[in-house]
């Protein structure tokens, strides 16, 4: 059985190597669709949506209205040094692909119920552009 819950946040970033518009400071209205797969437990649930929110919401709160800053972008790091800006420091370029992996890593690091077998994260950067990855938790 699979269940899904959506989450959203606003976040700024830039891609310093990009030959087009994404080299500029900009932001997106991100949306995460988190799909959890597993056996239905004795209570009739794969996982309680409340418990899923307890895992995901703290991560989303860190990202919401923050600026994702890559250690691979020294110019941006220097620029933001003097600002008291909410930021999330990462060691990767903030592409939607890498953000999806980042979220999946953070979510999968949590202790999930034993009946959960896989987690899929789909992150929309715009209304029609997204990345998706699945992580098998246990077989």
Protein backbone atom coordinates (compact mmCIF):
# COMPACT_ATOMS: atom_id res chain seq x y z
CA UNK A 1 0.00 0.00 0.00
CA UNK A 2 1.17 3.53 -0.74
CA UNK A 3 0.12 6.76 0.91
CA UNK A 4 1.13 10.29 -0.03
CA UNK A 5 1.26 13.69 1.65
CA UNK A 6 2.27 17.03 0.20
CA UNK A 7 4.34 19.78 1.80
CA UNK A 8 5.38 23.17 0.46
CA UNK A 9 7.90 25.92 1.17
CA UNK A 10 9.40 29.05 -0.38
CA UNK A 11 13.17 29.13 -0.81
CA UNK A 12 15.85 31.10 -2.62
CA UNK A 13 19.00 29.82 -4.30
CA UNK A 14 21.22 30.23 -7.33
CA UNK A 15 23.32 27.99 -9.58
CA UNK A 16 26.71 29.72 -9.94
CA UNK A 17 27.81 27.67 -12.97
CA UNK A 18 24.55 28.01 -14.92
CA UNK A 19 24.80 29.69 -18.35
CA UNK A 20 21.24 31.03 -18.18
CA UNK A 21 18.86 32.74 -15.76
CA UNK A 22 19.51 30.39 -12.84
CA UNK A 23 22.89 32.02 -12.18
CA UNK A 24 20.90 34.92 -10.70
CA UNK A 25 19.61 35.02 -7.15
CA UNK A 26 16.03 33.76 -7.35
CA UNK A 27 13.48 31.65 -5.54
CA UNK A 28 10.83 29.02 -6.03
CA UNK A 29 7.60 27.84 -4.46
CA UNK A 30 8.66 24.25 -3.87
CA UNK A 31 6.25 21.38 -3.34
CA UNK A 32 7.19 17.97 -1.96
CA UNK A 33 4.98 14.97 -2.58
CA UNK A 34 6.13 12.28 -0.18
CA UNK A 35 4.97 8.75 -0.90
CA UNK A 36 5.41 6.10 1.77
CA UNK A 37 5.07 2.43 0.92
CA UNK A 38 4.54 -0.44 3.31
CA UNK A 39 2.22 -3.00 4.78
CA UNK A 40 -0.90 -1.86 6.58
CA UNK A 41 -0.35 -2.20 10.33
CA UNK A 42 -2.70 -3.58 12.99
CA UNK A 43 -4.39 -0.15 13.20
CA UNK A 44 -5.16 -0.12 9.48
CA UNK A 45 -2.42 2.41 8.65
CA UNK A 46 0.77 2.44 6.63
CA UNK A 47 1.80 5.43 8.78
CA UNK A 48 -0.32 8.01 10.55
CA UNK A 49 -0.24 11.30 8.63
CA UNK A 50 0.34 13.07 11.95
CA UNK A 51 3.49 11.00 12.52
CA UNK A 52 4.64 11.69 8.98
CA UNK A 53 4.23 15.43 9.56
CA UNK A 54 6.30 15.14 12.76
CA UNK A 55 9.18 13.79 10.63
CA UNK A 56 8.88 16.16 7.67
CA UNK A 57 7.67 19.49 9.09
CA UNK A 58 10.90 20.32 10.99
CA UNK A 59 12.86 19.87 7.75
CA UNK A 60 10.42 22.05 5.81
CA UNK A 61 10.57 24.72 8.55
CA UNK A 62 14.37 24.89 8.11
CA UNK A 63 13.94 25.46 4.38
CA UNK A 64 10.93 27.79 4.35
CA UNK A 65 11.85 31.39 3.49
CA UNK A 66 15.54 30.48 3.68
CA UNK A 67 18.30 30.80 1.14
CA UNK A 68 20.06 27.55 0.19
CA UNK A 69 23.76 28.34 -0.04
CA UNK A 70 26.26 25.91 -1.53
CA UNK A 71 29.82 25.66 -0.24
CA UNK A 72 30.66 25.43 -3.97
CA UNK A 73 29.61 29.08 -4.38
CA UNK A 74 32.23 31.22 -2.57
CA UNK A 75 30.96 34.47 -4.13
CA UNK A 76 27.50 33.98 -2.65
CA UNK A 77 28.96 32.94 0.70
CA UNK A 78 31.04 36.13 0.77
CA UNK A 79 28.05 38.26 -0.23
CA UNK A 80 25.77 36.84 2.47
CA UNK A 81 28.43 37.01 5.18
CA UNK A 82 27.24 40.42 6.38
CA UNK A 83 23.53 39.61 6.36
CA UNK A 84 21.49 37.97 9.09
CA UNK A 85 19.71 35.93 6.44
CA UNK A 86 18.02 32.62 7.16
CA UNK A 87 20.15 30.17 5.25
CA UNK A 88 20.63 26.46 4.75
CA UNK A 89 24.27 25.59 4.06
CA UNK A 90 24.84 22.57 1.82
CA UNK A 91 27.78 20.97 0.04
CA UNK A 92 26.06 20.55 -3.33
CA UNK A 93 24.62 22.72 -6.09
CA UNK A 94 20.98 23.44 -5.25
CA UNK A 95 19.39 21.80 -8.28
CA UNK A 96 15.97 20.22 -7.84
CA UNK A 97 17.66 16.83 -8.26
CA UNK A 98 20.06 17.47 -5.37
CA UNK A 99 17.35 19.01 -3.20
CA UNK A 100 15.24 15.87 -3.73
CA UNK A 101 18.14 13.65 -2.64
CA UNK A 102 18.81 15.94 0.33
CA UNK A 103 15.20 15.69 1.51
CA UNK A 104 15.07 11.94 1.01
CA UNK A 105 18.31 11.51 2.99
CA UNK A 106 16.98 13.64 5.84
CA UNK A 107 13.63 11.82 5.91
CA UNK A 108 15.15 8.33 5.63
CA UNK A 109 17.53 9.13 8.52
CA UNK A 110 14.52 9.23 10.84
CA UNK A 111 13.29 6.12 12.57
CA UNK A 112 10.32 5.03 10.48
CA UNK A 113 7.95 2.24 11.53
CA UNK A 114 9.09 -1.30 10.72
CA UNK A 115 6.27 -1.79 8.19
CA UNK A 116 7.65 0.98 5.91
CA UNK A 117 9.52 -0.50 2.94
CA UNK A 118 10.17 2.52 0.67
CA UNK A 119 9.90 6.29 0.53
CA UNK A 120 9.58 8.31 -2.69
CA UNK A 121 10.16 12.06 -2.80
CA UNK A 122 8.89 14.12 -5.72
CA UNK A 123 9.96 17.77 -5.53
CA UNK A 124 8.41 20.35 -7.83
CA UNK A 125 10.54 23.44 -8.39
CA UNK A 126 7.92 25.00 -10.65
CA UNK A 127 4.41 23.93 -11.63
CA UNK A 128 5.72 21.66 -14.37
CA UNK A 129 9.32 20.76 -13.45
CA UNK A 130 10.20 18.16 -10.85
CA UNK A 131 12.65 15.48 -9.73
CA UNK A 132 11.74 12.13 -8.17
CA UNK A 133 13.74 9.53 -6.28
CA UNK A 134 12.82 6.41 -4.33
CA UNK A 135 14.70 5.03 -1.36
CA UNK A 136 14.17 1.42 -0.32
CA UNK A 137 14.21 1.35 3.49
CA UNK A 138 13.93 -2.40 3.96
CA UNK A 139 12.85 -5.35 1.85
